[in-house]
Amino acid sequence: MSASAFSLTALFPASGFAVTHGETVIGGLHGPTRHYFCAHCLTWLFTRAAGVEEFVGVRSSLLENPQHYLPFMETWTREKLPWVTTGASVSYEAFPEPQDYPALMSQFRARR
């Protein structure tokens, strides 16, 4: 979906997230995880992952000062190109299980 070897996403609590301007459309894979795109330019904006409804994954490259969002976790490493390095502290072959997220959040907080 990003025409890249990877994409950067920052997780935010869904309760504090809202689209305040424009319309979105669902794009990409049409499974239980939904990727939302700008209806006008079709830029991938955010993701609502199945089983993790309390968080929204926002494309960190679209935020102000994206350089402040250093990789903490990498996913889908079983498909990772051998020469790619992200500097992430935590790696998963696919996505983490929903029950892993509280511990991941604690690890992330401790990192700061």
N, C-alpha and C. Protein backbone atom coordinates (compact mmCIF):
# COMPACT_ATOMS: atom_id res chain seq x y z
N MET A 1 0.80 -1.20 0.00
CA MET A 1 0.00 0.00 0.00
C MET A 1 0.84 1.26 0.00
N SER A 2 2.08 1.18 0.45
CA SER A 2 2.87 2.39 0.53
C SER A 2 3.94 2.47 -0.55
N ALA A 3 4.06 1.45 -1.37
CA ALA A 3 5.11 1.39 -2.40
C ALA A 3 6.48 1.54 -1.76
N SER A 4 6.64 0.96 -0.59
CA SER A 4 7.88 1.04 0.15
C SER A 4 8.13 -0.28 0.85
N ALA A 5 9.34 -0.44 1.38
CA ALA A 5 9.67 -1.64 2.14
C ALA A 5 9.02 -1.61 3.51
N PHE A 6 8.59 -0.44 3.97
CA PHE A 6 7.96 -0.33 5.28
C PHE A 6 7.12 0.93 5.35
N SER A 7 6.32 1.02 6.39
CA SER A 7 5.56 2.24 6.68
C SER A 7 5.69 2.51 8.17
N LEU A 8 5.60 3.76 8.56
CA LEU A 8 5.70 4.15 9.96
C LEU A 8 4.33 4.53 10.47
N THR A 9 3.98 3.98 11.62
CA THR A 9 2.68 4.22 12.21
C THR A 9 2.85 4.54 13.69
N ALA A 10 2.14 5.54 14.18
CA ALA A 10 2.11 5.87 15.60
C ALA A 10 0.74 5.50 16.15
N LEU A 11 0.71 4.80 17.29
CA LEU A 11 -0.56 4.40 17.90
C LEU A 11 -1.06 5.49 18.83
N PHE A 12 -2.36 5.79 18.71
CA PHE A 12 -3.01 6.77 19.57
C PHE A 12 -4.29 6.14 20.12
N PRO A 13 -4.71 6.55 21.33
CA PRO A 13 -5.98 6.03 21.86
C PRO A 13 -7.14 6.42 20.93
N ALA A 14 -7.95 5.45 20.59
CA ALA A 14 -9.08 5.69 19.69
C ALA A 14 -10.05 6.72 20.28
N SER A 15 -10.16 6.75 21.61
CA SER A 15 -11.09 7.68 22.26
C SER A 15 -10.71 9.14 22.02
N GLY A 16 -9.45 9.42 21.71
CA GLY A 16 -9.02 10.79 21.47
C GLY A 16 -8.75 11.10 20.02
N PHE A 17 -9.18 10.22 19.12
CA PHE A 17 -8.90 10.39 17.70
C PHE A 17 -10.18 10.73 16.96
N ALA A 18 -10.09 11.71 16.06
CA ALA A 18 -11.22 12.07 15.21
C ALA A 18 -10.71 12.67 13.91
N VAL A 19 -11.38 12.40 12.83
CA VAL A 19 -11.11 13.06 11.56
C VAL A 19 -11.86 14.38 11.62
N THR A 20 -11.14 15.49 11.49
CA THR A 20 -11.77 16.80 11.66
C THR A 20 -11.98 17.54 10.35
N HIS A 21 -11.43 16.99 9.26
CA HIS A 21 -11.58 17.69 7.99
C HIS A 21 -11.54 16.67 6.87
N GLY A 22 -12.43 16.79 5.92
CA GLY A 22 -12.43 15.91 4.77
C GLY A 22 -13.12 14.58 5.04
N GLU A 23 -13.15 13.77 4.02
CA GLU A 23 -13.79 12.45 4.08
C GLU A 23 -12.75 11.37 3.88
N THR A 24 -13.03 10.18 4.42
CA THR A 24 -12.13 9.04 4.23
C THR A 24 -12.85 7.92 3.51
N VAL A 25 -12.08 7.07 2.87
CA VAL A 25 -12.60 5.86 2.25
C VAL A 25 -11.71 4.70 2.69
N ILE A 26 -12.28 3.52 2.72
CA ILE A 26 -11.51 2.33 3.07
C ILE A 26 -10.80 1.84 1.82
N GLY A 27 -9.52 1.55 1.96
CA GLY A 27 -8.74 1.09 0.83
C GLY A 27 -7.83 -0.03 1.26
N GLY A 28 -6.92 -0.42 0.38
CA GLY A 28 -6.00 -1.50 0.69
C GLY A 28 -6.73 -2.83 0.80
N LEU A 29 -6.25 -3.66 1.68
CA LEU A 29 -6.90 -4.95 1.90
C LEU A 29 -8.23 -4.73 2.59
N HIS A 30 -9.25 -5.45 2.20
CA HIS A 30 -10.58 -5.25 2.75
C HIS A 30 -10.95 -6.36 3.73
N GLY A 31 -10.06 -6.65 4.65
CA GLY A 31 -10.30 -7.65 5.69
C GLY A 31 -10.81 -6.98 6.95
N PRO A 32 -10.67 -7.64 8.08
CA PRO A 32 -11.17 -7.09 9.35
C PRO A 32 -10.38 -5.86 9.81
N THR A 33 -9.13 -5.71 9.40
CA THR A 33 -8.38 -4.50 9.68
C THR A 33 -8.65 -3.51 8.56
N ARG A 34 -9.01 -2.29 8.94
CA ARG A 34 -9.43 -1.29 7.95
C ARG A 34 -8.38 -0.19 7.81
N HIS A 35 -7.96 0.07 6.57
CA HIS A 35 -7.04 1.14 6.25
C HIS A 35 -7.86 2.28 5.63
N TYR A 36 -7.75 3.45 6.24
CA TYR A 36 -8.53 4.60 5.79
C TYR A 36 -7.65 5.55 4.99
N PHE A 37 -8.18 6.01 3.86
CA PHE A 37 -7.46 6.87 2.93
C PHE A 37 -8.24 8.18 2.75
N CYS A 38 -7.54 9.23 2.38
CA CYS A 38 -8.18 10.49 2.03
C CYS A 38 -9.04 10.23 0.78
N ALA A 39 -10.30 10.61 0.82
CA ALA A 39 -11.18 10.39 -0.33
C ALA A 39 -10.77 11.23 -1.53
N HIS A 40 -10.08 12.32 -1.31
CA HIS A 40 -9.70 13.21 -2.41
C HIS A 40 -8.42 12.74 -3.11
N CYS A 41 -7.34 12.50 -2.33
CA CYS A 41 -6.05 12.18 -2.96
C CYS A 41 -5.64 10.72 -2.78
N LEU A 42 -6.41 9.96 -1.99
CA LEU A 42 -6.17 8.54 -1.73
C LEU A 42 -4.86 8.26 -0.99
N THR A 43 -4.40 9.23 -0.19
CA THR A 43 -3.25 9.01 0.68
C THR A 43 -3.70 8.18 1.88
N TRP A 44 -2.90 7.17 2.22
CA TRP A 44 -3.20 6.33 3.39
C TRP A 44 -3.00 7.18 4.64
N LEU A 45 -4.04 7.30 5.48
CA LEU A 45 -4.02 8.17 6.65
C LEU A 45 -3.89 7.42 7.97
N PHE A 46 -4.76 6.43 8.17
CA PHE A 46 -4.77 5.72 9.46
C PHE A 46 -5.37 4.35 9.30
N THR A 47 -5.20 3.55 10.36
CA THR A 47 -5.67 2.17 10.36
C THR A 47 -6.39 1.88 11.67
N ARG A 48 -7.47 1.16 11.57
CA ARG A 48 -8.16 0.62 12.75
C ARG A 48 -8.02 -0.90 12.65
N ALA A 49 -7.21 -1.46 13.56
CA ALA A 49 -6.87 -2.88 13.49
C ALA A 49 -7.92 -3.73 14.20
N ALA A 50 -8.28 -4.83 13.57
CA ALA A 50 -9.23 -5.77 14.16
C ALA A 50 -8.62 -6.34 15.44
N GLY A 51 -9.40 -6.39 16.50
CA GLY A 51 -8.94 -6.94 17.76
C GLY A 51 -8.21 -5.95 18.65
N VAL A 52 -7.95 -4.76 18.13
CA VAL A 52 -7.26 -3.73 18.92
C VAL A 52 -8.02 -2.42 18.75
N GLU A 53 -9.29 -2.44 19.04
CA GLU A 53 -10.17 -1.30 18.78
C GLU A 53 -9.85 -0.07 19.62
N GLU A 54 -9.12 -0.25 20.73
CA GLU A 54 -8.83 0.90 21.59
C GLU A 54 -7.73 1.81 21.04
N PHE A 55 -7.08 1.41 19.94
CA PHE A 55 -6.02 2.20 19.34
C PHE A 55 -6.29 2.46 17.86
N VAL A 56 -5.76 3.58 17.38
CA VAL A 56 -5.78 3.92 15.97
C VAL A 56 -4.33 4.10 15.55
N GLY A 57 -3.95 3.48 14.44
CA GLY A 57 -2.60 3.62 13.90
C GLY A 57 -2.57 4.73 12.87
N VAL A 58 -1.90 5.84 13.20
CA VAL A 58 -1.83 7.00 12.32
C VAL A 58 -0.47 7.02 11.63
N ARG A 59 -0.47 7.25 10.34
CA ARG A 59 0.79 7.33 9.59
C ARG A 59 1.62 8.46 10.16
N SER A 60 2.70 8.14 10.86
CA SER A 60 3.49 9.16 11.55
C SER A 60 4.16 10.14 10.59
N SER A 61 4.36 9.75 9.35
CA SER A 61 4.94 10.68 8.37
C SER A 61 4.00 11.83 8.06
N LEU A 62 2.73 11.74 8.44
CA LEU A 62 1.76 12.80 8.20
C LEU A 62 1.65 13.77 9.38
N LEU A 63 2.31 13.46 10.49
CA LEU A 63 2.23 14.30 11.69
C LEU A 63 3.28 15.41 11.64
N GLU A 64 3.04 16.47 12.42
CA GLU A 64 4.07 17.49 12.55
C GLU A 64 5.28 16.86 13.23
N ASN A 65 6.47 17.23 12.80
CA ASN A 65 7.72 16.73 13.37
C ASN A 65 7.81 15.21 13.37
N PRO A 66 7.67 14.56 12.23
CA PRO A 66 7.71 13.09 12.20
C PRO A 66 9.03 12.51 12.68
N GLN A 67 10.09 13.30 12.69
CA GLN A 67 11.38 12.81 13.15
C GLN A 67 11.36 12.45 14.64
N HIS A 68 10.36 12.91 15.37
CA HIS A 68 10.24 12.59 16.80
C HIS A 68 9.65 11.20 17.04
N TYR A 69 9.15 10.55 16.02
CA TYR A 69 8.51 9.25 16.16
C TYR A 69 9.46 8.14 15.74
N LEU A 70 10.41 7.84 16.62
CA LEU A 70 11.39 6.78 16.34
C LEU A 70 10.73 5.42 16.44
N PRO A 71 11.11 4.46 15.62
CA PRO A 71 10.50 3.13 15.68
C PRO A 71 10.73 2.45 17.03
N PHE A 72 9.67 1.99 17.64
CA PHE A 72 9.74 1.21 18.88
C PHE A 72 9.52 -0.26 18.58
N MET A 73 8.54 -0.55 17.71
CA MET A 73 8.17 -1.93 17.40
C MET A 73 8.12 -2.11 15.89
N GLU A 74 8.61 -3.24 15.43
CA GLU A 74 8.46 -3.59 14.01
C GLU A 74 7.64 -4.87 13.92
N THR A 75 6.80 -4.93 12.90
CA THR A 75 5.94 -6.10 12.70
C THR A 75 6.20 -6.68 11.31
N TRP A 76 5.69 -7.85 11.12
CA TRP A 76 5.82 -8.57 9.85
C TRP A 76 7.29 -8.77 9.46
N THR A 77 8.12 -9.08 10.44
CA THR A 77 9.54 -9.28 10.16
C THR A 77 9.80 -10.56 9.38
N ARG A 78 8.84 -11.47 9.35
CA ARG A 78 9.05 -12.68 8.53
C ARG A 78 9.08 -12.34 7.04
N GLU A 79 8.60 -11.16 6.67
CA GLU A 79 8.64 -10.71 5.28
C GLU A 79 9.67 -9.59 5.07
N LYS A 80 10.43 -9.32 6.09
CA LYS A 80 11.40 -8.22 6.07
C LYS A 80 12.56 -8.53 5.11
N LEU A 81 12.95 -7.55 4.36
CA LEU A 81 14.13 -7.69 3.51
C LEU A 81 15.36 -7.79 4.40
N PRO A 82 16.31 -8.67 4.07
CA PRO A 82 17.42 -8.94 4.99
C PRO A 82 18.30 -7.73 5.30
N TRP A 83 18.34 -6.74 4.47
CA TRP A 83 19.20 -5.58 4.68
C TRP A 83 18.52 -4.43 5.40
N VAL A 84 17.23 -4.57 5.72
CA VAL A 84 16.48 -3.49 6.37
C VAL A 84 16.75 -3.48 7.87
N THR A 85 17.07 -2.32 8.40
CA THR A 85 17.17 -2.14 9.85
C THR A 85 16.33 -0.94 10.24
N THR A 86 15.62 -1.05 11.35
CA THR A 86 14.74 0.03 11.78
C THR A 86 15.17 0.66 13.10
N GLY A 87 15.96 -0.05 13.88
CA GLY A 87 16.30 0.44 15.20
C GLY A 87 15.22 0.17 16.23
N ALA A 88 14.19 -0.58 15.85
CA ALA A 88 13.09 -0.89 16.77
C ALA A 88 13.58 -1.77 17.91
N SER A 89 13.00 -1.55 19.10
CA SER A 89 13.35 -2.33 20.29
C SER A 89 12.68 -3.69 20.32
N VAL A 90 11.52 -3.80 19.69
CA VAL A 90 10.69 -5.01 19.76
C VAL A 90 10.34 -5.44 18.34
N SER A 91 10.39 -6.75 18.07
CA SER A 91 10.06 -7.27 16.74
C SER A 91 9.06 -8.41 16.85
N TYR A 92 8.16 -8.48 15.87
CA TYR A 92 7.18 -9.56 15.76
C TYR A 92 7.18 -10.08 14.33
N GLU A 93 7.06 -11.38 14.18
CA GLU A 93 6.99 -11.96 12.84
C GLU A 93 5.73 -11.54 12.10
N ALA A 94 4.65 -11.28 12.81
CA ALA A 94 3.40 -10.77 12.24
C ALA A 94 2.97 -9.61 13.13
N PHE A 95 1.69 -9.51 13.47
CA PHE A 95 1.24 -8.51 14.43
C PHE A 95 1.25 -9.12 15.82
N PRO A 96 1.45 -8.30 16.85
CA PRO A 96 1.35 -8.82 18.22
C PRO A 96 -0.08 -9.26 18.51
N GLU A 97 -0.21 -10.16 19.45
CA GLU A 97 -1.54 -10.57 19.91
C GLU A 97 -2.14 -9.40 20.71
N PRO A 98 -3.45 -9.22 20.68
CA PRO A 98 -4.07 -8.12 21.42
C PRO A 98 -3.66 -8.08 22.90
N GLN A 99 -3.49 -9.23 23.52
CA GLN A 99 -3.13 -9.25 24.94
C GLN A 99 -1.69 -8.77 25.17
N ASP A 100 -0.87 -8.65 24.12
CA ASP A 100 0.51 -8.16 24.26
C ASP A 100 0.58 -6.64 24.40
N TYR A 101 -0.47 -5.94 23.99
CA TYR A 101 -0.40 -4.48 23.93
C TYR A 101 -0.20 -3.79 25.28
N PRO A 102 -0.82 -4.22 26.38
CA PRO A 102 -0.54 -3.53 27.65
C PRO A 102 0.94 -3.58 28.04
N ALA A 103 1.59 -4.72 27.88
CA ALA A 103 3.02 -4.82 28.20
C ALA A 103 3.85 -3.98 27.23
N LEU A 104 3.47 -3.95 25.96
CA LEU A 104 4.18 -3.12 24.98
C LEU A 104 4.06 -1.64 25.34
N MET A 105 2.88 -1.23 25.76
CA MET A 105 2.69 0.17 26.16
C MET A 105 3.56 0.51 27.36
N SER A 106 3.67 -0.41 28.31
CA SER A 106 4.53 -0.19 29.48
C SER A 106 5.99 -0.06 29.06
N GLN A 107 6.42 -0.94 28.16
CA GLN A 107 7.80 -0.88 27.65
C GLN A 107 8.05 0.44 26.93
N PHE A 108 7.07 0.88 26.15
CA PHE A 108 7.23 2.13 25.42
C PHE A 108 7.34 3.32 26.38
N ARG A 109 6.47 3.34 27.40
CA ARG A 109 6.52 4.41 28.40
C ARG A 109 7.87 4.44 29.11
N ALA A 110 8.39 3.26 29.45
CA ALA A 110 9.67 3.16 30.16
C ALA A 110 10.82 3.65 29.30
N ARG A 111 10.71 3.56 28.01
CA ARG A 111 11.75 3.98 27.08
C ARG A 111 11.95 5.48 27.10
N ARG A 112 10.90 6.22 27.36
CA ARG A 112 10.96 7.68 27.33
C ARG A 112 11.59 8.14 28.58
